[in-house]
Amino acid sequence: MFDVVLTRPSLYIQVRSRIPHRRSRASTVLVRFMQTTSLTMIQIPAPESVRCLIGLTGRIAVPRSVSDAGLEPATPGLRYGYPDTADRSVLGNIGISPIAPDAVTLDHVTLKRNGKDILRDLSLRFRRGTITAVVGCSGVGKSTLMGALNGLLLPASGSIFIAGAGRLDDPKSLREARRGTATIFQDHALIDRLPAIDNVLLGLADMRHPLSPLPWPRSLRLRAATALDEVGLLSRATARTGQLSGGERQRVGIARALVRRPRLLLGDEPFASVDPTLARQLGAEFRRLVIRNGITVILVLHQIPLARTLADRIVGLAAGRVAFDGPAADFDAEAEDAVFSSAPM
């Protein structure tokens, strides 16, 4: 059931439960958009666009005109979904404009290693459901930033806040953040002697006792098989990981991250071990998967062409600070030179 609340100049629809029925293409997209991104509020320009939603079925309170709503003005909702590229155009055609809030916030963060400042006074916000590529010279602090976002390195000053968990300097919040975070590693971190599906299951290791002699529950094995299917590797589920190609191993690593159903996905040079052509192919598949699942992604990348095509946004680090922060399409030769002409600290 939806609650429709009137606010000028827009209507806001709050989702209380899944829609039980689908009919039109627009409604199918809208339902999937709601269900896969934990959507709680969408913005609909009023009043003309409201009529476009009358075709939606199920128990939905959508007025035929603004005057039918009969509701008081209300404040926009707390969380917003973020549809994938294909669905955005359909939603746009019916006048829906989703807004994504911050998933990760760094507030004046300084990170040190061995008593030396690596990153200084860093303030960044990462929107939910977007892909951000972090680029910069070797030694500039990209991996240090990933360690901090994973909660492995505490800031010397400032704070890191994860939506739905809290500040990472609080142990309880850190545990909650880790439950909703997955990481893809440069070297895959796979066990060669195990079948691919067992490596994927290791992504769920925190869901059972580490010394349990019992087989993995059927529900978790099905979940792992689904993750392999999403990356096109279900047919190789029982193959020993050591016998897989580089691209297949990378897909296993992605499946192991996705099987956790994370809210936040981190990657430290996840495509560094494959050739540029395969990296582009994997990058396109990866982008499709994470956007479809509404995951916030922060990746360290050294392949600048891949960063431009894979990411929505690029953050360039130089001399311990942010030298560029903007849409990937704006990271031109001048911006690249500004980031990579500075020597690491």
C-alpha atoms as a PDB file:
ATOM      1  CA  MET A   1       0.000   0.000   0.000  1.00  0.00           C
ATOM      2  CA  PHE A   2       1.275   3.477  -0.864  1.00  0.00           C
ATOM      3  CA  ASP A   3       0.748   6.689   1.029  1.00  0.00           C
ATOM      4  CA  VAL A   4       0.480   9.668  -1.297  1.00  0.00           C
ATOM      5  CA  VAL A   5       1.399  12.955   0.327  1.00  0.00           C
ATOM      6  CA  LEU A   6       1.074  16.295  -1.404  1.00  0.00           C
ATOM      7  CA  THR A   7       3.934  18.735  -1.521  1.00  0.00           C
ATOM      8  CA  ARG A   8       4.365  21.629  -3.949  1.00  0.00           C
ATOM      9  CA  PRO A   9       5.277  21.293  -6.742  1.00  0.00           C
ATOM     10  CA  SER A  10       5.504  17.507  -6.543  1.00  0.00           C
ATOM     11  CA  LEU A  11       3.753  14.440  -5.237  1.00  0.00           C
ATOM     12  CA  TYR A  12       5.648  11.945  -3.126  1.00  0.00           C
ATOM     13  CA  ILE A  13       4.683   8.288  -2.977  1.00  0.00           C
ATOM     14  CA  GLN A  14       5.898   6.296   0.015  1.00  0.00           C
ATOM     15  CA  VAL A  15       6.264   2.557  -0.409  1.00  0.00           C
ATOM     16  CA  ARG A  16       4.979   0.441   2.465  1.00  0.00           C
ATOM     17  CA  SER A  17       5.037  -2.971   0.775  1.00  0.00           C
ATOM     18  CA  ARG A  18       5.616  -4.632  -2.580  1.00  0.00           C
ATOM     19  CA  ILE A  19       3.071  -4.252  -5.323  1.00  0.00           C
ATOM     20  CA  PRO A  20       1.324  -7.639  -5.764  1.00  0.00           C
ATOM     21  CA  HIS A  21       0.548  -7.276  -9.459  1.00  0.00           C
ATOM     22  CA  ARG A  22       2.200  -5.923 -12.600  1.00  0.00           C
ATOM     23  CA  ARG A  23       0.627  -4.952 -15.895  1.00  0.00           C
ATOM     24  CA  SER A  24       2.248  -2.297 -18.079  1.00  0.00           C
ATOM     25  CA  ARG A  25       5.909  -1.822 -19.016  1.00  0.00           C
ATOM     26  CA  ALA A  26       6.025   1.341 -16.933  1.00  0.00           C
ATOM     27  CA  SER A  27       4.539  -0.380 -13.900  1.00  0.00           C
ATOM     28  CA  THR A  28       6.902  -3.350 -14.285  1.00  0.00           C
ATOM     29  CA  VAL A  29       9.903  -1.050 -14.312  1.00  0.00           C
ATOM     30  CA  LEU A  30       8.560   0.913 -11.377  1.00  0.00           C
ATOM     31  CA  VAL A  31       7.881  -2.189  -9.305  1.00  0.00           C
ATOM     32  CA  ARG A  32      11.330  -3.651  -9.991  1.00  0.00           C
ATOM     33  CA  PHE A  33      12.869  -0.280  -9.271  1.00  0.00           C
ATOM     34  CA  MET A  34      11.130  -0.210  -5.897  1.00  0.00           C
ATOM     35  CA  GLN A  35      11.856  -3.800  -4.957  1.00  0.00           C
ATOM     36  CA  THR A  36      15.534  -3.931  -5.892  1.00  0.00           C
ATOM     37  CA  THR A  37      16.659  -0.595  -4.489  1.00  0.00           C
ATOM     38  CA  SER A  38      14.855  -0.474  -1.116  1.00  0.00           C
ATOM     39  CA  LEU A  39      12.978   2.521  -2.438  1.00  0.00           C
ATOM     40  CA  THR A  40      10.933   4.395   0.114  1.00  0.00           C
ATOM     41  CA  MET A  41      10.129   7.586  -1.752  1.00  0.00           C
ATOM     42  CA  ILE A  42       9.931   8.741  -5.367  1.00  0.00           C
ATOM     43  CA  GLN A  43       9.252  12.193  -6.738  1.00  0.00           C
ATOM     44  CA  ILE A  44       6.557  12.721  -9.370  1.00  0.00           C
ATOM     45  CA  PRO A  45       6.039  16.170 -10.907  1.00  0.00           C
ATOM     46  CA  ALA A  46       2.421  17.165 -10.327  1.00  0.00           C
ATOM     47  CA  PRO A  47      -0.251  17.254 -11.493  1.00  0.00           C
ATOM     48  CA  GLU A  48       0.124  16.226 -15.155  1.00  0.00           C
ATOM     49  CA  SER A  49       2.305  13.139 -14.609  1.00  0.00           C
ATOM     50  CA  VAL A  50       0.008  11.669 -12.009  1.00  0.00           C
ATOM     51  CA  ARG A  51      -2.402  10.460 -14.692  1.00  0.00           C
ATOM     52  CA  CYS A  52       0.417   8.401 -16.201  1.00  0.00           C
ATOM     53  CA  LEU A  53       0.504   6.254 -13.081  1.00  0.00           C
ATOM     54  CA  ILE A  54      -3.180   5.358 -13.080  1.00  0.00           C
ATOM     55  CA  GLY A  55      -2.279   2.195 -15.021  1.00  0.00           C
ATOM     56  CA  LEU A  56      -0.348   0.858 -12.037  1.00  0.00           C
ATOM     57  CA  THR A  57      -2.323  -1.903 -10.386  1.00  0.00           C
ATOM     58  CA  GLY A  58      -2.446  -3.343  -6.902  1.00  0.00           C
ATOM     59  CA  ARG A  59      -3.512  -1.480  -3.801  1.00  0.00           C
ATOM     60  CA  ILE A  60      -2.044   1.905  -4.703  1.00  0.00           C
ATOM     61  CA  ALA A  61      -3.494   5.227  -3.638  1.00  0.00           C
ATOM     62  CA  VAL A  62      -2.702   7.397  -6.655  1.00  0.00           C
ATOM     63  CA  PRO A  63      -5.135  10.290  -7.173  1.00  0.00           C
ATOM     64  CA  ARG A  64      -6.413  11.220 -10.654  1.00  0.00           C
ATOM     65  CA  SER A  65      -5.672  14.831  -9.862  1.00  0.00           C
ATOM     66  CA  VAL A  66      -3.991  16.828  -7.164  1.00  0.00           C
ATOM     67  CA  SER A  67      -7.357  17.891  -5.732  1.00  0.00           C
ATOM     68  CA  ASP A  68      -8.285  14.242  -5.179  1.00  0.00           C
ATOM     69  CA  ALA A  69      -5.379  13.709  -2.809  1.00  0.00           C
ATOM     70  CA  GLY A  70      -6.849  15.752   0.027  1.00  0.00           C
ATOM     71  CA  LEU A  71      -3.639  15.468   2.038  1.00  0.00           C
ATOM     72  CA  GLU A  72      -1.454  17.905   3.915  1.00  0.00           C
ATOM     73  CA  PRO A  73       1.981  19.058   2.668  1.00  0.00           C
ATOM     74  CA  ALA A  74       4.753  16.722   3.691  1.00  0.00           C
ATOM     75  CA  THR A  75       8.517  16.577   3.808  1.00  0.00           C
ATOM     76  CA  PRO A  76      10.235  14.385   1.174  1.00  0.00           C
ATOM     77  CA  GLY A  77      11.237  10.898   2.292  1.00  0.00           C
ATOM     78  CA  LEU A  78      14.418   9.641   3.860  1.00  0.00           C
ATOM     79  CA  ARG A  79      15.697   7.150   1.277  1.00  0.00           C
ATOM     80  CA  TYR A  80      15.533   7.164  -2.481  1.00  0.00           C
ATOM     81  CA  GLY A  81      16.042   4.451  -5.054  1.00  0.00           C
ATOM     82  CA  TYR A  82      18.370   4.700  -8.041  1.00  0.00           C
ATOM     83  CA  PRO A  83      17.259   2.823 -11.202  1.00  0.00           C
ATOM     84  CA  ASP A  84      19.591   1.379 -13.786  1.00  0.00           C
ATOM     85  CA  THR A  85      20.296   3.133 -17.073  1.00  0.00           C
ATOM     86  CA  ALA A  86      17.623   1.311 -19.088  1.00  0.00           C
ATOM     87  CA  ASP A  87      14.932   1.911 -16.488  1.00  0.00           C
ATOM     88  CA  ARG A  88      15.809   5.582 -16.004  1.00  0.00           C
ATOM     89  CA  SER A  89      14.578   6.429 -19.497  1.00  0.00           C
ATOM     90  CA  VAL A  90      11.262   4.640 -18.944  1.00  0.00           C
ATOM     91  CA  LEU A  91      10.790   6.269 -15.556  1.00  0.00           C
ATOM     92  CA  GLY A  92      11.710   9.607 -17.081  1.00  0.00           C
ATOM     93  CA  ASN A  93       9.001   9.171 -19.718  1.00  0.00           C
ATOM     94  CA  ILE A  94       6.371   8.943 -16.991  1.00  0.00           C
ATOM     95  CA  GLY A  95       7.777  11.897 -15.115  1.00  0.00           C
ATOM     96  CA  ILE A  96       9.570  10.135 -12.265  1.00  0.00           C
ATOM     97  CA  SER A  97      12.806  11.645 -10.983  1.00  0.00           C
ATOM     98  CA  PRO A  98      14.509   9.494  -8.313  1.00  0.00           C
ATOM     99  CA  ILE A  99      16.980  11.158  -5.963  1.00  0.00           C
ATOM    100  CA  ALA A 100      19.777   9.219  -4.246  1.00  0.00           C
ATOM    101  CA  PRO A 101      20.948  10.175  -0.742  1.00  0.00           C
ATOM    102  CA  ASP A 102      24.444   9.762   0.638  1.00  0.00           C
ATOM    103  CA  ALA A 103      25.530   6.185   1.358  1.00  0.00           C
ATOM    104  CA  VAL A 104      29.023   7.072   2.621  1.00  0.00           C
ATOM    105  CA  THR A 105      30.225  10.343   4.102  1.00  0.00           C
ATOM    106  CA  LEU A 106      33.814  11.315   4.899  1.00  0.00           C
ATOM    107  CA  ASP A 107      34.004  14.431   7.051  1.00  0.00           C
ATOM    108  CA  HIS A 108      37.451  16.103   7.268  1.00  0.00           C
ATOM    109  CA  VAL A 109      39.221  12.740   7.412  1.00  0.00           C
ATOM    110  CA  THR A 110      42.999  12.536   7.889  1.00  0.00           C
ATOM    111  CA  LEU A 111      44.631   9.134   7.476  1.00  0.00           C
ATOM    112  CA  LYS A 112      48.144   8.280   8.650  1.00  0.00           C
ATOM    113  CA  ARG A 113      50.544   5.405   8.160  1.00  0.00           C
ATOM    114  CA  ASN A 114      53.658   5.063  10.310  1.00  0.00           C
ATOM    115  CA  GLY A 115      52.991   8.510  11.719  1.00  0.00           C
ATOM    116  CA  LYS A 116      52.930  10.157   8.281  1.00  0.00           C
ATOM    117  CA  ASP A 117      49.903  11.872   6.771  1.00  0.00           C
ATOM    118  CA  ILE A 118      48.751   9.973   3.685  1.00  0.00           C
ATOM    119  CA  LEU A 119      45.421  11.728   3.112  1.00  0.00           C
ATOM    120  CA  ARG A 120      44.659  15.091   4.722  1.00  0.00           C
ATOM    121  CA  ASP A 121      41.336  16.723   5.586  1.00  0.00           C
ATOM    122  CA  LEU A 122      39.345  14.615   3.105  1.00  0.00           C
ATOM    123  CA  SER A 123      35.636  15.420   2.797  1.00  0.00           C
ATOM    124  CA  LEU A 124      33.660  13.295   0.318  1.00  0.00           C
ATOM    125  CA  ARG A 125      30.088  12.106  -0.122  1.00  0.00           C
ATOM    126  CA  PHE A 126      29.168   9.006  -2.108  1.00  0.00           C
ATOM    127  CA  ARG A 127      25.594   8.781  -3.365  1.00  0.00           C
ATOM    128  CA  ARG A 128      23.626   5.571  -2.948  1.00  0.00           C
ATOM    129  CA  GLY A 129      23.449   3.416  -6.054  1.00  0.00           C
ATOM    130  CA  THR A 130      26.290   5.183  -7.879  1.00  0.00           C
ATOM    131  CA  ILE A 131      29.704   3.957  -9.029  1.00  0.00           C
ATOM    132  CA  THR A 132      32.751   6.038  -8.099  1.00  0.00           C
ATOM    133  CA  ALA A 133      36.272   5.414  -9.405  1.00  0.00           C
ATOM    134  CA  VAL A 134      39.184   6.621  -7.290  1.00  0.00           C
ATOM    135  CA  VAL A 135      42.310   7.352  -9.350  1.00  0.00           C
ATOM    136  CA  GLY A 136      45.762   8.774  -8.725  1.00  0.00           C
ATOM    137  CA  CYS A 137      49.475   8.047  -8.749  1.00  0.00           C
ATOM    138  CA  SER A 138      50.887   5.000  -6.964  1.00  0.00           C
ATOM    139  CA  GLY A 139      51.413   5.723  -3.292  1.00  0.00           C
ATOM    140  CA  VAL A 140      48.944   8.606  -3.176  1.00  0.00           C
ATOM    141  CA  GLY A 141      46.678   6.826  -0.688  1.00  0.00           C
ATOM    142  CA  LYS A 142      44.005   5.062  -2.747  1.00  0.00           C
ATOM    143  CA  SER A 143      44.416   1.735  -0.944  1.00  0.00           C
ATOM    144  CA  THR A 144      44.654   3.566   2.372  1.00  0.00           C
ATOM    145  CA  LEU A 145      41.256   5.083   1.622  1.00  0.00           C
ATOM    146  CA  MET A 146      39.835   1.621   0.883  1.00  0.00           C
ATOM    147  CA  GLY A 147      41.228   0.353   4.177  1.00  0.00           C
ATOM    148  CA  ALA A 148      39.494   3.165   6.024  1.00  0.00           C
ATOM    149  CA  LEU A 149      36.171   2.508   4.272  1.00  0.00           C
ATOM    150  CA  ASN A 150      36.505  -1.156   5.261  1.00  0.00           C
ATOM    151  CA  GLY A 151      37.076  -0.130   8.863  1.00  0.00           C
ATOM    152  CA  LEU A 152      40.586  -1.589   8.847  1.00  0.00           C
ATOM    153  CA  LEU A 153      42.220   1.794   9.395  1.00  0.00           C
ATOM    154  CA  LEU A 154      40.835   4.404  11.767  1.00  0.00           C
ATOM    155  CA  PRO A 155      41.198   8.081  10.831  1.00  0.00           C
ATOM    156  CA  ALA A 156      43.635  10.171  12.841  1.00  0.00           C
ATOM    157  CA  SER A 157      40.971  12.860  12.749  1.00  0.00           C
ATOM    158  CA  GLY A 158      37.542  13.330  11.204  1.00  0.00           C
ATOM    159  CA  SER A 159      34.842  10.705  10.785  1.00  0.00           C
ATOM    160  CA  ILE A 160      33.468   8.172   8.294  1.00  0.00           C
ATOM    161  CA  PHE A 161      29.721   7.587   8.319  1.00  0.00           C
ATOM    162  CA  ILE A 162      27.964   4.666   6.596  1.00  0.00           C
ATOM    163  CA  ALA A 163      24.222   5.054   6.042  1.00  0.00           C
ATOM    164  CA  GLY A 164      22.270   2.411   7.932  1.00  0.00           C
ATOM    165  CA  ALA A 165      25.210   1.658  10.236  1.00  0.00           C
ATOM    166  CA  GLY A 166      26.723   4.822  11.711  1.00  0.00           C
ATOM    167  CA  ARG A 167      30.224   6.124  12.369  1.00  0.00           C
ATOM    168  CA  LEU A 168      32.965   3.579  11.845  1.00  0.00           C
ATOM    169  CA  ASP A 169      34.766   4.606  15.043  1.00  0.00           C
ATOM    170  CA  ASP A 170      31.920   3.015  16.994  1.00  0.00           C
ATOM    171  CA  PRO A 171      32.411  -0.792  17.357  1.00  0.00           C
ATOM    172  CA  LYS A 172      28.700  -1.597  17.027  1.00  0.00           C
ATOM    173  CA  SER A 173      28.357   0.599  13.939  1.00  0.00           C
ATOM    174  CA  LEU A 174      31.506  -0.939  12.461  1.00  0.00           C
ATOM    175  CA  ARG A 175      30.098  -4.462  12.834  1.00  0.00           C
ATOM    176  CA  GLU A 176      26.856  -3.392  11.166  1.00  0.00           C
ATOM    177  CA  ALA A 177      28.739  -1.660   8.344  1.00  0.00           C
ATOM    178  CA  ARG A 178      30.846  -4.755   7.678  1.00  0.00           C
ATOM    179  CA  ARG A 179      27.721  -6.897   7.398  1.00  0.00           C
ATOM    180  CA  GLY A 180      26.556  -4.654   4.567  1.00  0.00           C
ATOM    181  CA  THR A 181      29.934  -4.318   2.815  1.00  0.00           C
ATOM    182  CA  ALA A 182      31.741  -6.580   0.359  1.00  0.00           C
ATOM    183  CA  THR A 183      35.161  -6.244  -1.261  1.00  0.00           C
ATOM    184  CA  ILE A 184      36.624  -7.399  -4.576  1.00  0.00           C
ATOM    185  CA  PHE A 185      40.382  -7.899  -4.423  1.00  0.00           C
ATOM    186  CA  GLN A 186      43.036  -7.358  -7.057  1.00  0.00           C
ATOM    187  CA  ASP A 187      44.455 -10.881  -6.656  1.00  0.00           C
ATOM    188  CA  HIS A 188      40.946 -12.411  -6.344  1.00  0.00           C
ATOM    189  CA  ALA A 189      41.900 -13.996  -2.936  1.00  0.00           C
ATOM    190  CA  LEU A 190      40.479 -17.331  -4.112  1.00  0.00           C
ATOM    191  CA  ILE A 191      41.404 -20.843  -2.931  1.00  0.00           C
ATOM    192  CA  ASP A 192      42.498 -22.750  -6.025  1.00  0.00           C
ATOM    193  CA  ARG A 193      41.727 -26.248  -4.726  1.00  0.00           C
ATOM    194  CA  LEU A 194      38.088 -25.424  -4.034  1.00  0.00           C
ATOM    195  CA  PRO A 195      35.281 -25.483  -6.616  1.00  0.00           C
ATOM    196  CA  ALA A 196      34.071 -22.107  -7.798  1.00  0.00           C
ATOM    197  CA  ILE A 197      30.835 -22.372  -5.844  1.00  0.00           C
ATOM    198  CA  ASP A 198      32.702 -23.057  -2.599  1.00  0.00           C
ATOM    199  CA  ASN A 199      34.798 -19.930  -3.112  1.00  0.00           C
ATOM    200  CA  VAL A 200      31.578 -17.967  -3.572  1.00  0.00           C
ATOM    201  CA  LEU A 201      30.182 -19.503  -0.382  1.00  0.00           C
ATOM    202  CA  LEU A 202      33.189 -18.135   1.519  1.00  0.00           C
ATOM    203  CA  GLY A 203      31.573 -14.744   1.033  1.00  0.00           C
ATOM    204  CA  LEU A 204      28.924 -15.988   3.474  1.00  0.00           C
ATOM    205  CA  ALA A 205      31.406 -17.386   6.007  1.00  0.00           C
ATOM    206  CA  ASP A 206      30.134 -15.054   8.729  1.00  0.00           C
ATOM    207  CA  MET A 207      26.694 -16.681   8.500  1.00  0.00           C
ATOM    208  CA  ARG A 208      27.767 -19.963  10.099  1.00  0.00           C
ATOM    209  CA  HIS A 209      30.266 -21.182  12.706  1.00  0.00           C
ATOM    210  CA  PRO A 210      33.796 -21.271  11.236  1.00  0.00           C
ATOM    211  CA  LEU A 211      34.452 -24.754  12.710  1.00  0.00           C
ATOM    212  CA  SER A 212      31.165 -26.283  11.632  1.00  0.00           C
ATOM    213  CA  PRO A 213      31.693 -29.777  10.096  1.00  0.00           C
ATOM    214  CA  LEU A 214      28.265 -29.687   8.475  1.00  0.00           C
ATOM    215  CA  PRO A 215      27.724 -29.036   4.754  1.00  0.00           C
ATOM    216  CA  TRP A 216      26.589 -25.614   3.677  1.00  0.00           C
ATOM    217  CA  PRO A 217      22.800 -25.273   3.990  1.00  0.00           C
ATOM    218  CA  ARG A 218      20.868 -25.734   0.754  1.00  0.00           C
ATOM    219  CA  SER A 219      19.537 -22.158   0.930  1.00  0.00           C
ATOM    220  CA  LEU A 220      23.060 -20.715   0.978  1.00  0.00           C
ATOM    221  CA  ARG A 221      24.258 -23.015  -1.801  1.00  0.00           C
ATOM    222  CA  LEU A 222      21.312 -21.876  -3.915  1.00  0.00           C
ATOM    223  CA  ARG A 223      22.209 -18.277  -3.141  1.00  0.00           C
ATOM    224  CA  ALA A 224      25.814 -18.911  -4.247  1.00  0.00           C
ATOM    225  CA  ALA A 225      24.629 -20.635  -7.430  1.00  0.00           C
ATOM    226  CA  THR A 226      22.411 -17.637  -8.200  1.00  0.00           C
ATOM    227  CA  ALA A 227      25.403 -15.312  -7.789  1.00  0.00           C
ATOM    228  CA  LEU A 228      27.440 -17.436 -10.213  1.00  0.00           C
ATOM    229  CA  ASP A 229      24.553 -17.404 -12.652  1.00  0.00           C
ATOM    230  CA  GLU A 230      24.452 -13.596 -12.493  1.00  0.00           C
ATOM    231  CA  VAL A 231      28.062 -13.437 -13.677  1.00  0.00           C
ATOM    232  CA  GLY A 232      27.510 -16.115 -16.352  1.00  0.00           C
ATOM    233  CA  LEU A 233      29.517 -18.821 -14.620  1.00  0.00           C
ATOM    234  CA  LEU A 234      26.918 -21.276 -13.344  1.00  0.00           C
ATOM    235  CA  SER A 235      28.122 -23.965 -15.756  1.00  0.00           C
ATOM    236  CA  ARG A 236      31.542 -23.824 -14.066  1.00  0.00           C
ATOM    237  CA  ALA A 237      30.217 -23.971 -10.503  1.00  0.00           C
ATOM    238  CA  THR A 238      31.843 -27.336  -9.715  1.00  0.00           C
ATOM    239  CA  ALA A 239      35.121 -26.692 -11.559  1.00  0.00           C
ATOM    240  CA  ARG A 240      38.238 -26.273  -9.446  1.00  0.00           C
ATOM    241  CA  THR A 241      39.049 -22.595  -9.229  1.00  0.00           C
ATOM    242  CA  GLY A 242      42.691 -23.226 -10.086  1.00  0.00           C
ATOM    243  CA  GLN A 243      41.583 -24.501 -13.517  1.00  0.00           C
ATOM    244  CA  LEU A 244      39.650 -21.347 -14.406  1.00  0.00           C
ATOM    245  CA  SER A 245      40.892 -18.621 -16.732  1.00  0.00           C
ATOM    246  CA  GLY A 246      41.748 -15.141 -15.482  1.00  0.00           C
ATOM    247  CA  GLY A 247      38.410 -13.737 -16.579  1.00  0.00           C
ATOM    248  CA  GLU A 248      36.509 -16.615 -14.976  1.00  0.00           C
ATOM    249  CA  ARG A 249      38.407 -16.160 -11.725  1.00  0.00           C
ATOM    250  CA  GLN A 250      37.503 -12.487 -11.771  1.00  0.00           C
ATOM    251  CA  ARG A 251      33.848 -13.410 -12.207  1.00  0.00           C
ATOM    252  CA  VAL A 252      34.075 -15.755  -9.219  1.00  0.00           C
ATOM    253  CA  GLY A 253      35.459 -12.861  -7.171  1.00  0.00           C
ATOM    254  CA  ILE A 254      32.570 -10.639  -8.250  1.00  0.00           C
ATOM    255  CA  ALA A 255      30.047 -13.396  -7.464  1.00  0.00           C
ATOM    256  CA  ARG A 256      31.566 -13.858  -3.998  1.00  0.00           C
ATOM    257  CA  ALA A 257      31.044 -10.152  -3.343  1.00  0.00           C
ATOM    258  CA  LEU A 258      27.494 -10.081  -4.738  1.00  0.00           C
ATOM    259  CA  VAL A 259      26.400 -13.160  -2.778  1.00  0.00           C
ATOM    260  CA  ARG A 260      26.583 -11.058   0.383  1.00  0.00           C
ATOM    261  CA  ARG A 261      23.888  -8.778  -1.066  1.00  0.00           C
ATOM    262  CA  PRO A 262      25.902  -5.770   0.058  1.00  0.00           C
ATOM    263  CA  ARG A 263      24.776  -2.175   0.307  1.00  0.00           C
ATOM    264  CA  LEU A 264      28.367  -1.027  -0.253  1.00  0.00           C
ATOM    265  CA  LEU A 265      30.859  -2.704  -2.594  1.00  0.00           C
ATOM    266  CA  LEU A 266      34.551  -1.798  -2.499  1.00  0.00           C
ATOM    267  CA  GLY A 267      37.208  -2.808  -5.006  1.00  0.00           C
ATOM    268  CA  ASP A 268      40.976  -2.288  -4.977  1.00  0.00           C
ATOM    269  CA  GLU A 269      42.154  -2.577  -8.608  1.00  0.00           C
ATOM    270  CA  PRO A 270      39.636  -5.387  -9.282  1.00  0.00           C
ATOM    271  CA  PHE A 271      40.399  -5.573 -13.023  1.00  0.00           C
ATOM    272  CA  ALA A 272      44.167  -5.135 -12.865  1.00  0.00           C
ATOM    273  CA  SER A 273      44.964  -8.795 -13.550  1.00  0.00           C
ATOM    274  CA  VAL A 274      43.112  -9.052 -16.881  1.00  0.00           C
ATOM    275  CA  ASP A 275      43.916  -7.544 -20.276  1.00  0.00           C
ATOM    276  CA  PRO A 276      42.263  -4.243 -21.331  1.00  0.00           C
ATOM    277  CA  THR A 277      39.750  -5.864 -23.696  1.00  0.00           C
ATOM    278  CA  LEU A 278      38.563  -8.332 -21.068  1.00  0.00           C
ATOM    279  CA  ALA A 279      38.587  -5.570 -18.445  1.00  0.00           C
ATOM    280  CA  ARG A 280      36.161  -3.525 -20.574  1.00  0.00           C
ATOM    281  CA  GLN A 281      33.877  -6.530 -20.997  1.00  0.00           C
ATOM    282  CA  LEU A 282      33.954  -7.385 -17.300  1.00  0.00           C
ATOM    283  CA  GLY A 283      33.483  -3.730 -16.425  1.00  0.00           C
ATOM    284  CA  ALA A 284      30.315  -3.486 -18.519  1.00  0.00           C
ATOM    285  CA  GLU A 285      28.910  -6.663 -16.956  1.00  0.00           C
ATOM    286  CA  PHE A 286      29.884  -5.466 -13.491  1.00  0.00           C
ATOM    287  CA  ARG A 287      28.182  -2.101 -13.991  1.00  0.00           C
ATOM    288  CA  ARG A 288      24.975  -3.773 -15.142  1.00  0.00           C
ATOM    289  CA  LEU A 289      24.911  -6.069 -12.097  1.00  0.00           C
ATOM    290  CA  VAL A 290      25.603  -3.505  -9.407  1.00  0.00           C
ATOM    291  CA  ILE A 291      23.197  -0.904 -10.807  1.00  0.00           C
ATOM    292  CA  ARG A 292      20.456  -3.507 -11.143  1.00  0.00           C
ATOM    293  CA  ASN A 293      20.967  -4.427  -7.495  1.00  0.00           C
ATOM    294  CA  GLY A 294      21.134  -0.813  -6.319  1.00  0.00           C
ATOM    295  CA  ILE A 295      24.620  -1.183  -4.809  1.00  0.00           C
ATOM    296  CA  THR A 296      26.874   1.752  -3.976  1.00  0.00           C
ATOM    297  CA  VAL A 297      30.319   1.060  -5.480  1.00  0.00           C
ATOM    298  CA  ILE A 298      33.704   2.649  -4.769  1.00  0.00           C
ATOM    299  CA  LEU A 299      36.590   1.285  -6.853  1.00  0.00           C
ATOM    300  CA  VAL A 300      40.278   2.051  -7.038  1.00  0.00           C
ATOM    301  CA  LEU A 301      41.234   1.890 -10.717  1.00  0.00           C
ATOM    302  CA  HIS A 302      44.435   2.553 -12.606  1.00  0.00           C
ATOM    303  CA  GLN A 303      42.903   2.018 -16.075  1.00  0.00           C
ATOM    304  CA  ILE A 304      41.652   5.542 -16.835  1.00  0.00           C
ATOM    305  CA  PRO A 305      39.669   4.580 -19.999  1.00  0.00           C
ATOM    306  CA  LEU A 306      37.874   1.930 -17.939  1.00  0.00           C
ATOM    307  CA  ALA A 307      37.188   4.432 -15.164  1.00  0.00           C
ATOM    308  CA  ARG A 308      35.579   6.809 -17.670  1.00  0.00           C
ATOM    309  CA  THR A 309      33.225   4.163 -19.038  1.00  0.00           C
ATOM    310  CA  LEU A 310      32.501   2.205 -15.855  1.00  0.00           C
ATOM    311  CA  ALA A 311      32.029   4.959 -13.280  1.00  0.00           C
ATOM    312  CA  ASP A 312      29.414   7.650 -12.830  1.00  0.00           C
ATOM    313  CA  ARG A 313      31.947   9.797 -11.003  1.00  0.00           C
ATOM    314  CA  ILE A 314      35.731  10.030 -10.684  1.00  0.00           C
ATOM    315  CA  VAL A 315      37.637  11.187  -7.627  1.00  0.00           C
ATOM    316  CA  GLY A 316      41.275  11.993  -8.356  1.00  0.00           C
ATOM    317  CA  LEU A 317      43.739  12.071  -5.449  1.00  0.00           C
ATOM    318  CA  ALA A 318      47.024  13.995  -5.550  1.00  0.00           C
ATOM    319  CA  ALA A 319      49.418  15.113  -2.807  1.00  0.00           C
ATOM    320  CA  GLY A 320      47.123  13.771  -0.118  1.00  0.00           C
ATOM    321  CA  ARG A 321      44.068  15.725  -1.217  1.00  0.00           C
ATOM    322  CA  VAL A 322      41.235  15.668  -3.759  1.00  0.00           C
ATOM    323  CA  ALA A 323      42.506  17.102  -7.039  1.00  0.00           C
ATOM    324  CA  PHE A 324      39.389  16.225  -9.068  1.00  0.00           C
ATOM    325  CA  ASP A 325      35.845  15.313  -8.140  1.00  0.00           C
ATOM    326  CA  GLY A 326      33.188  15.241 -10.828  1.00  0.00           C
ATOM    327  CA  PRO A 327      31.299  13.239 -13.457  1.00  0.00           C
ATOM    328  CA  ALA A 328      33.401  10.678 -15.286  1.00  0.00           C
ATOM    329  CA  ALA A 329      32.627  12.414 -18.592  1.00  0.00           C
ATOM    330  CA  ASP A 330      34.366  15.567 -17.284  1.00  0.00           C
ATOM    331  CA  PHE A 331      37.634  13.792 -16.486  1.00  0.00           C
ATOM    332  CA  ASP A 332      39.404  15.063 -19.586  1.00  0.00           C
ATOM    333  CA  ALA A 333      43.115  15.310 -20.426  1.00  0.00           C
ATOM    334  CA  GLU A 334      43.521  18.484 -18.393  1.00  0.00           C
ATOM    335  CA  ALA A 335      41.958  16.915 -15.308  1.00  0.00           C
ATOM    336  CA  GLU A 336      44.021  13.771 -15.773  1.00  0.00           C
ATOM    337  CA  ASP A 337      47.198  15.826 -15.974  1.00  0.00           C
ATOM    338  CA  ALA A 338      46.269  17.713 -12.783  1.00  0.00           C
ATOM    339  CA  VAL A 339      45.898  14.413 -10.925  1.00  0.00           C
ATOM    340  CA  PHE A 340      48.861  12.496 -12.292  1.00  0.00           C
ATOM    341  CA  SER A 341      51.408  15.317 -12.591  1.00  0.00           C
ATOM    342  CA  SER A 342      51.605  15.621  -8.805  1.00  0.00           C
ATOM    343  CA  ALA A 343      54.094  13.354  -7.092  1.00  0.00           C
ATOM    344  CA  PRO A 344      52.867  11.261  -4.150  1.00  0.00           C
ATOM    345  CA  MET A 345      53.513  12.624  -0.679  1.00  0.00           C
END
